[in-house]
């Protein structure tokens, strides 16, 4: 059974989430604040964390950072905060997805399924496990990126996006395909997710993120990796 930790201080929303997830055969634990969430995460080892940023005892971004100190569990942020800098702060701290309140339960469940799929990555063929460029090296089997002598820290979502691109070198991967594979959605109005994550990947991997050499945008269509 897939276990989900819900970190949310609104009891009505918690109840709705628990009912919907239990009906879909998920195991659910709930925490009303950050301190309880961190204790439960250590004790219960959830497969996915759903996290509200506006908690009574600490900011949700601090909870993300604390979790990322020891676990790679997918973190889905549920928040009423809509400013792009709030979203970027949560993503940079290590969140894998950002869902703005109010949201539809169907979309949330689709995002949850996508997060669960990402944790069950199948091993890649040996010939595609190491990708080397002049500026960085990607070891897909070890999920490790290096630039020079330094490790580059990537979130699970960044890894999944990068994995799809580098295992299809030179090929255009459409926005729709990436959205479906990485986030479980294919609506064209979700392309801002791709822009945010591609900007993060370029900032971490490209020598000149403003003029990328490897992670190329095909305007209106998708993205391409040039090795």
C-alpha atoms as a PDB file:
ATOM      1  CA  UNK A   1       0.000   0.000   0.000  1.00  0.00           C
ATOM      2  CA  UNK A   2       1.254   3.479  -0.907  1.00  0.00           C
ATOM      3  CA  UNK A   3       1.441   5.648   2.218  1.00  0.00           C
ATOM      4  CA  UNK A   4       0.828   9.407   2.037  1.00  0.00           C
ATOM      5  CA  UNK A   5       1.626  11.962   4.755  1.00  0.00           C
ATOM      6  CA  UNK A   6      -0.756  14.953   4.633  1.00  0.00           C
ATOM      7  CA  UNK A   7       0.589  18.073   6.357  1.00  0.00           C
ATOM      8  CA  UNK A   8      -2.324  20.506   6.634  1.00  0.00           C
ATOM      9  CA  UNK A   9      -3.903  22.506   9.482  1.00  0.00           C
ATOM     10  CA  UNK A  10      -7.399  22.837   7.924  1.00  0.00           C
ATOM     11  CA  UNK A  11      -9.362  19.903   9.415  1.00  0.00           C
ATOM     12  CA  UNK A  12     -12.077  20.011   6.719  1.00  0.00           C
ATOM     13  CA  UNK A  13      -9.518  19.741   3.914  1.00  0.00           C
ATOM     14  CA  UNK A  14      -7.669  16.989   5.771  1.00  0.00           C
ATOM     15  CA  UNK A  15     -10.908  15.031   6.115  1.00  0.00           C
ATOM     16  CA  UNK A  16     -11.681  15.409   2.387  1.00  0.00           C
ATOM     17  CA  UNK A  17      -8.164  14.320   1.417  1.00  0.00           C
ATOM     18  CA  UNK A  18      -8.193  11.324   3.752  1.00  0.00           C
ATOM     19  CA  UNK A  19     -11.578  10.135   2.466  1.00  0.00           C
ATOM     20  CA  UNK A  20     -10.572  10.495  -1.186  1.00  0.00           C
ATOM     21  CA  UNK A  21      -7.213   8.800  -0.769  1.00  0.00           C
ATOM     22  CA  UNK A  22      -8.481   5.945   1.382  1.00  0.00           C
ATOM     23  CA  UNK A  23     -11.183   5.302  -1.237  1.00  0.00           C
ATOM     24  CA  UNK A  24      -8.326   4.837  -3.725  1.00  0.00           C
ATOM     25  CA  UNK A  25      -6.494   2.392  -1.429  1.00  0.00           C
ATOM     26  CA  UNK A  26      -3.831   4.795  -0.165  1.00  0.00           C
ATOM     27  CA  UNK A  27      -2.692   4.679   3.447  1.00  0.00           C
ATOM     28  CA  UNK A  28      -2.878   8.151   4.994  1.00  0.00           C
ATOM     29  CA  UNK A  29      -1.266   9.849   8.007  1.00  0.00           C
ATOM     30  CA  UNK A  30      -2.086  13.471   8.843  1.00  0.00           C
ATOM     31  CA  UNK A  31      -0.091  16.137  10.669  1.00  0.00           C
ATOM     32  CA  UNK A  32      -1.495  19.578  11.653  1.00  0.00           C
ATOM     33  CA  UNK A  33       1.906  21.294  11.915  1.00  0.00           C
ATOM     34  CA  UNK A  34       5.509  21.058  10.790  1.00  0.00           C
ATOM     35  CA  UNK A  35       6.987  19.532  13.945  1.00  0.00           C
ATOM     36  CA  UNK A  36       4.437  16.698  13.929  1.00  0.00           C
ATOM     37  CA  UNK A  37       5.037  16.203  10.199  1.00  0.00           C
ATOM     38  CA  UNK A  38       8.777  15.734  10.668  1.00  0.00           C
ATOM     39  CA  UNK A  39       8.247  13.250  13.494  1.00  0.00           C
ATOM     40  CA  UNK A  40       5.688  11.274  11.471  1.00  0.00           C
ATOM     41  CA  UNK A  41       7.858  11.300   8.346  1.00  0.00           C
ATOM     42  CA  UNK A  42      10.730   9.730  10.284  1.00  0.00           C
ATOM     43  CA  UNK A  43       8.489   7.201  12.035  1.00  0.00           C
ATOM     44  CA  UNK A  44       6.186   6.193   9.164  1.00  0.00           C
ATOM     45  CA  UNK A  45       8.491   6.575   6.130  1.00  0.00           C
ATOM     46  CA  UNK A  46       5.736   7.782   3.729  1.00  0.00           C
ATOM     47  CA  UNK A  47       5.954   7.256  -0.025  1.00  0.00           C
ATOM     48  CA  UNK A  48       4.639  10.770  -0.773  1.00  0.00           C
ATOM     49  CA  UNK A  49       4.249  13.963   1.292  1.00  0.00           C
ATOM     50  CA  UNK A  50       1.432  16.488   0.637  1.00  0.00           C
ATOM     51  CA  UNK A  51       2.380  19.745   2.321  1.00  0.00           C
ATOM     52  CA  UNK A  52       0.635  23.048   2.988  1.00  0.00           C
ATOM     53  CA  UNK A  53       3.083  25.963   3.180  1.00  0.00           C
ATOM     54  CA  UNK A  54       1.043  27.988   5.714  1.00  0.00           C
ATOM     55  CA  UNK A  55       1.520  25.943   8.885  1.00  0.00           C
ATOM     56  CA  UNK A  56       0.937  27.270  12.424  1.00  0.00           C
ATOM     57  CA  UNK A  57       4.412  26.545  13.813  1.00  0.00           C
ATOM     58  CA  UNK A  58       6.811  26.904  10.867  1.00  0.00           C
ATOM     59  CA  UNK A  59       6.921  27.749   7.175  1.00  0.00           C
ATOM     60  CA  UNK A  60       6.346  24.829   4.843  1.00  0.00           C
ATOM     61  CA  UNK A  61       9.548  25.656   2.944  1.00  0.00           C
ATOM     62  CA  UNK A  62      11.494  24.928   6.145  1.00  0.00           C
ATOM     63  CA  UNK A  63       9.711  21.571   6.398  1.00  0.00           C
ATOM     64  CA  UNK A  64      10.785  20.793   2.815  1.00  0.00           C
ATOM     65  CA  UNK A  65      14.407  21.655   3.631  1.00  0.00           C
ATOM     66  CA  UNK A  66      14.328  19.505   6.763  1.00  0.00           C
ATOM     67  CA  UNK A  67      12.919  16.531   4.839  1.00  0.00           C
ATOM     68  CA  UNK A  68      15.439  16.950   2.042  1.00  0.00           C
ATOM     69  CA  UNK A  69      18.209  16.635   4.612  1.00  0.00           C
ATOM     70  CA  UNK A  70      17.564  12.895   4.768  1.00  0.00           C
ATOM     71  CA  UNK A  71      14.919  11.721   2.276  1.00  0.00           C
ATOM     72  CA  UNK A  72      14.145  11.898  -1.445  1.00  0.00           C
ATOM     73  CA  UNK A  73      10.424  11.242  -0.925  1.00  0.00           C
ATOM     74  CA  UNK A  74       8.258  13.157  -3.459  1.00  0.00           C
ATOM     75  CA  UNK A  75       6.809  16.342  -1.916  1.00  0.00           C
ATOM     76  CA  UNK A  76       3.622  17.874  -3.370  1.00  0.00           C
ATOM     77  CA  UNK A  77       2.957  21.398  -2.137  1.00  0.00           C
ATOM     78  CA  UNK A  78      -0.693  22.417  -1.623  1.00  0.00           C
ATOM     79  CA  UNK A  79      -0.889  26.150  -1.116  1.00  0.00           C
ATOM     80  CA  UNK A  80      -3.056  29.230  -1.527  1.00  0.00           C
ATOM     81  CA  UNK A  81       0.105  31.221  -2.273  1.00  0.00           C
ATOM     82  CA  UNK A  82       0.092  32.010  -5.984  1.00  0.00           C
ATOM     83  CA  UNK A  83       3.102  34.341  -6.390  1.00  0.00           C
ATOM     84  CA  UNK A  84       5.742  32.852  -8.686  1.00  0.00           C
ATOM     85  CA  UNK A  85       8.543  33.630  -6.208  1.00  0.00           C
ATOM     86  CA  UNK A  86       6.723  31.541  -3.566  1.00  0.00           C
ATOM     87  CA  UNK A  87       6.505  28.647  -6.013  1.00  0.00           C
ATOM     88  CA  UNK A  88      10.154  28.947  -7.002  1.00  0.00           C
ATOM     89  CA  UNK A  89      11.206  29.052  -3.308  1.00  0.00           C
ATOM     90  CA  UNK A  90       9.319  25.803  -2.625  1.00  0.00           C
ATOM     91  CA  UNK A  91      10.702  24.120  -5.765  1.00  0.00           C
ATOM     92  CA  UNK A  92      14.241  25.282  -5.036  1.00  0.00           C
ATOM     93  CA  UNK A  93      13.953  23.916  -1.488  1.00  0.00           C
ATOM     94  CA  UNK A  94      13.230  20.493  -2.983  1.00  0.00           C
ATOM     95  CA  UNK A  95       9.480  20.244  -3.638  1.00  0.00           C
ATOM     96  CA  UNK A  96       8.496  18.183  -6.670  1.00  0.00           C
ATOM     97  CA  UNK A  97       5.173  19.776  -7.537  1.00  0.00           C
ATOM     98  CA  UNK A  98       3.118  22.840  -6.588  1.00  0.00           C
ATOM     99  CA  UNK A  99      -0.675  22.729  -6.586  1.00  0.00           C
ATOM    100  CA  UNK A 100      -2.544  25.991  -6.011  1.00  0.00           C
ATOM    101  CA  UNK A 101      -5.661  26.047  -3.844  1.00  0.00           C
ATOM    102  CA  UNK A 102      -8.476  25.672  -4.648  1.00  0.00           C
ATOM    103  CA  UNK A 103      -7.790  22.562  -6.733  1.00  0.00           C
ATOM    104  CA  UNK A 104      -9.890  19.760  -8.164  1.00  0.00           C
ATOM    105  CA  UNK A 105      -9.586  16.428  -6.381  1.00  0.00           C
ATOM    106  CA  UNK A 106      -9.240  14.637  -9.740  1.00  0.00           C
ATOM    107  CA  UNK A 107      -6.201  16.726 -10.680  1.00  0.00           C
ATOM    108  CA  UNK A 108      -4.659  16.247  -7.240  1.00  0.00           C
ATOM    109  CA  UNK A 109      -5.074  12.473  -7.504  1.00  0.00           C
ATOM    110  CA  UNK A 110      -3.483  12.543 -10.980  1.00  0.00           C
ATOM    111  CA  UNK A 111      -0.495  14.432  -9.567  1.00  0.00           C
ATOM    112  CA  UNK A 112      -0.280  11.932  -6.713  1.00  0.00           C
ATOM    113  CA  UNK A 113      -0.274   9.006  -9.154  1.00  0.00           C
ATOM    114  CA  UNK A 114       2.471  10.694 -11.177  1.00  0.00           C
ATOM    115  CA  UNK A 115       4.568  11.175  -8.020  1.00  0.00           C
ATOM    116  CA  UNK A 116       4.154   7.504  -7.123  1.00  0.00           C
ATOM    117  CA  UNK A 117       5.169   6.466 -10.660  1.00  0.00           C
ATOM    118  CA  UNK A 118       8.337   8.535 -10.416  1.00  0.00           C
ATOM    119  CA  UNK A 119       9.442   6.654  -7.304  1.00  0.00           C
ATOM    120  CA  UNK A 120       9.170   3.352  -9.180  1.00  0.00           C
ATOM    121  CA  UNK A 121      11.667   4.171 -11.928  1.00  0.00           C
ATOM    122  CA  UNK A 122      12.831   1.075 -13.803  1.00  0.00           C
ATOM    123  CA  UNK A 123      16.579   0.609 -14.314  1.00  0.00           C
ATOM    124  CA  UNK A 124      17.869   1.911 -17.624  1.00  0.00           C
ATOM    125  CA  UNK A 125      19.827  -0.132 -20.115  1.00  0.00           C
ATOM    126  CA  UNK A 126      23.590  -0.064 -19.373  1.00  0.00           C
ATOM    127  CA  UNK A 127      24.434   1.870 -22.521  1.00  0.00           C
ATOM    128  CA  UNK A 128      22.192   4.764 -21.457  1.00  0.00           C
ATOM    129  CA  UNK A 129      23.245   5.076 -17.813  1.00  0.00           C
ATOM    130  CA  UNK A 130      26.119   7.537 -18.285  1.00  0.00           C
ATOM    131  CA  UNK A 131      25.779  10.771 -20.239  1.00  0.00           C
ATOM    132  CA  UNK A 132      28.944  12.879 -20.552  1.00  0.00           C
ATOM    133  CA  UNK A 133      29.264  16.395 -21.959  1.00  0.00           C
ATOM    134  CA  UNK A 134      32.097  18.927 -21.845  1.00  0.00           C
ATOM    135  CA  UNK A 135      30.411  20.726 -18.931  1.00  0.00           C
ATOM    136  CA  UNK A 136      28.734  18.016 -16.848  1.00  0.00           C
ATOM    137  CA  UNK A 137      28.233  14.275 -16.400  1.00  0.00           C
ATOM    138  CA  UNK A 138      24.932  12.536 -15.649  1.00  0.00           C
ATOM    139  CA  UNK A 139      25.000   9.069 -14.068  1.00  0.00           C
ATOM    140  CA  UNK A 140      21.383   8.007 -14.521  1.00  0.00           C
ATOM    141  CA  UNK A 141      21.759   4.737 -12.638  1.00  0.00           C
ATOM    142  CA  UNK A 142      23.234   6.392  -9.547  1.00  0.00           C
ATOM    143  CA  UNK A 143      21.018   9.467 -10.027  1.00  0.00           C
ATOM    144  CA  UNK A 144      24.086  11.655  -9.758  1.00  0.00           C
ATOM    145  CA  UNK A 145      25.074  14.782 -11.658  1.00  0.00           C
ATOM    146  CA  UNK A 146      28.530  16.354 -11.511  1.00  0.00           C
ATOM    147  CA  UNK A 147      30.075  19.552 -12.847  1.00  0.00           C
ATOM    148  CA  UNK A 148      33.839  19.432 -12.612  1.00  0.00           C
ATOM    149  CA  UNK A 149      34.584  17.861  -9.230  1.00  0.00           C
ATOM    150  CA  UNK A 150      31.303  18.956  -7.634  1.00  0.00           C
ATOM    151  CA  UNK A 151      28.030  17.099  -7.244  1.00  0.00           C
ATOM    152  CA  UNK A 152      24.935  18.915  -8.537  1.00  0.00           C
ATOM    153  CA  UNK A 153      21.880  18.438  -6.349  1.00  0.00           C
ATOM    154  CA  UNK A 154      18.724  17.718  -8.353  1.00  0.00           C
ATOM    155  CA  UNK A 155      15.217  17.075  -7.033  1.00  0.00           C
ATOM    156  CA  UNK A 156      13.373  13.867  -8.038  1.00  0.00           C
ATOM    157  CA  UNK A 157      11.219  15.831 -10.490  1.00  0.00           C
ATOM    158  CA  UNK A 158      14.270  17.479 -12.069  1.00  0.00           C
ATOM    159  CA  UNK A 159      15.819  14.014 -12.425  1.00  0.00           C
ATOM    160  CA  UNK A 160      12.744  12.605 -14.119  1.00  0.00           C
ATOM    161  CA  UNK A 161      12.578  15.489 -16.600  1.00  0.00           C
ATOM    162  CA  UNK A 162      16.313  15.296 -17.323  1.00  0.00           C
ATOM    163  CA  UNK A 163      16.170  11.507 -17.680  1.00  0.00           C
ATOM    164  CA  UNK A 164      13.535  11.708 -20.415  1.00  0.00           C
ATOM    165  CA  UNK A 165      15.497  14.324 -22.340  1.00  0.00           C
ATOM    166  CA  UNK A 166      18.983  12.778 -22.142  1.00  0.00           C
ATOM    167  CA  UNK A 167      17.737   9.304 -23.066  1.00  0.00           C
ATOM    168  CA  UNK A 168      16.306  10.812 -26.264  1.00  0.00           C
ATOM    169  CA  UNK A 169      19.358  12.783 -27.473  1.00  0.00           C
ATOM    170  CA  UNK A 170      18.743  15.073 -30.415  1.00  0.00           C
ATOM    171  CA  UNK A 171      15.012  14.299 -30.470  1.00  0.00           C
ATOM    172  CA  UNK A 172      12.261  16.821 -29.820  1.00  0.00           C
ATOM    173  CA  UNK A 173      10.259  15.765 -26.758  1.00  0.00           C
ATOM    174  CA  UNK A 174       6.884  17.515 -26.817  1.00  0.00           C
ATOM    175  CA  UNK A 175       5.492  19.573 -23.956  1.00  0.00           C
ATOM    176  CA  UNK A 176       2.466  17.278 -23.821  1.00  0.00           C
ATOM    177  CA  UNK A 177       4.632  14.174 -23.468  1.00  0.00           C
ATOM    178  CA  UNK A 178       6.737  15.715 -20.696  1.00  0.00           C
ATOM    179  CA  UNK A 179       3.706  16.968 -18.785  1.00  0.00           C
ATOM    180  CA  UNK A 180       2.031  13.567 -18.981  1.00  0.00           C
ATOM    181  CA  UNK A 181       5.153  11.610 -18.007  1.00  0.00           C
ATOM    182  CA  UNK A 182       6.427  13.875 -15.252  1.00  0.00           C
ATOM    183  CA  UNK A 183       3.273  15.420 -13.784  1.00  0.00           C
ATOM    184  CA  UNK A 184       0.469  13.170 -14.952  1.00  0.00           C
ATOM    185  CA  UNK A 185      -1.245  16.025 -16.818  1.00  0.00           C
ATOM    186  CA  UNK A 186      -1.217  17.047 -20.465  1.00  0.00           C
ATOM    187  CA  UNK A 187      -3.082  20.372 -20.495  1.00  0.00           C
ATOM    188  CA  UNK A 188      -1.263  23.022 -22.484  1.00  0.00           C
ATOM    189  CA  UNK A 189      -1.882  25.618 -19.763  1.00  0.00           C
ATOM    190  CA  UNK A 190       0.501  23.733 -17.461  1.00  0.00           C
ATOM    191  CA  UNK A 191       3.546  24.556 -19.591  1.00  0.00           C
ATOM    192  CA  UNK A 192       4.696  27.028 -16.913  1.00  0.00           C
ATOM    193  CA  UNK A 193       5.810  23.964 -14.909  1.00  0.00           C
ATOM    194  CA  UNK A 194       8.152  23.029 -17.713  1.00  0.00           C
ATOM    195  CA  UNK A 195       9.542  26.552 -17.984  1.00  0.00           C
ATOM    196  CA  UNK A 196      10.280  26.697 -14.254  1.00  0.00           C
ATOM    197  CA  UNK A 197      11.960  23.299 -14.138  1.00  0.00           C
ATOM    198  CA  UNK A 198      13.938  23.757 -17.351  1.00  0.00           C
ATOM    199  CA  UNK A 199      15.209  27.094 -15.994  1.00  0.00           C
ATOM    200  CA  UNK A 200      16.306  25.300 -12.814  1.00  0.00           C
ATOM    201  CA  UNK A 201      18.076  22.551 -14.755  1.00  0.00           C
ATOM    202  CA  UNK A 202      19.873  25.075 -16.940  1.00  0.00           C
ATOM    203  CA  UNK A 203      20.929  27.099 -13.912  1.00  0.00           C
ATOM    204  CA  UNK A 204      22.394  23.961 -12.331  1.00  0.00           C
ATOM    205  CA  UNK A 205      23.976  22.350 -15.408  1.00  0.00           C
ATOM    206  CA  UNK A 206      24.615  24.860 -18.198  1.00  0.00           C
ATOM    207  CA  UNK A 207      27.743  27.040 -18.258  1.00  0.00           C
ATOM    208  CA  UNK A 208      25.603  29.902 -19.623  1.00  0.00           C
ATOM    209  CA  UNK A 209      21.958  29.289 -18.601  1.00  0.00           C
ATOM    210  CA  UNK A 210      20.722  32.264 -20.641  1.00  0.00           C
ATOM    211  CA  UNK A 211      22.195  30.713 -23.799  1.00  0.00           C
ATOM    212  CA  UNK A 212      21.843  26.958 -23.249  1.00  0.00           C
ATOM    213  CA  UNK A 213      24.036  24.593 -25.216  1.00  0.00           C
ATOM    214  CA  UNK A 214      22.494  21.290 -24.103  1.00  0.00           C
ATOM    215  CA  UNK A 215      18.912  21.831 -22.925  1.00  0.00           C
ATOM    216  CA  UNK A 216      17.276  23.436 -25.944  1.00  0.00           C
ATOM    217  CA  UNK A 217      13.787  24.955 -26.212  1.00  0.00           C
ATOM    218  CA  UNK A 218      11.799  24.401 -29.384  1.00  0.00           C
ATOM    219  CA  UNK A 219       9.328  27.292 -29.028  1.00  0.00           C
ATOM    220  CA  UNK A 220       5.714  26.201 -28.818  1.00  0.00           C
ATOM    221  CA  UNK A 221       6.637  22.545 -29.248  1.00  0.00           C
ATOM    222  CA  UNK A 222       8.896  21.158 -26.535  1.00  0.00           C
ATOM    223  CA  UNK A 223      12.508  20.551 -25.556  1.00  0.00           C
ATOM    224  CA  UNK A 224      15.553  18.726 -26.872  1.00  0.00           C
ATOM    225  CA  UNK A 225      18.828  17.521 -25.357  1.00  0.00           C
ATOM    226  CA  UNK A 226      21.936  18.027 -27.481  1.00  0.00           C
ATOM    227  CA  UNK A 227      24.859  16.033 -26.090  1.00  0.00           C
END
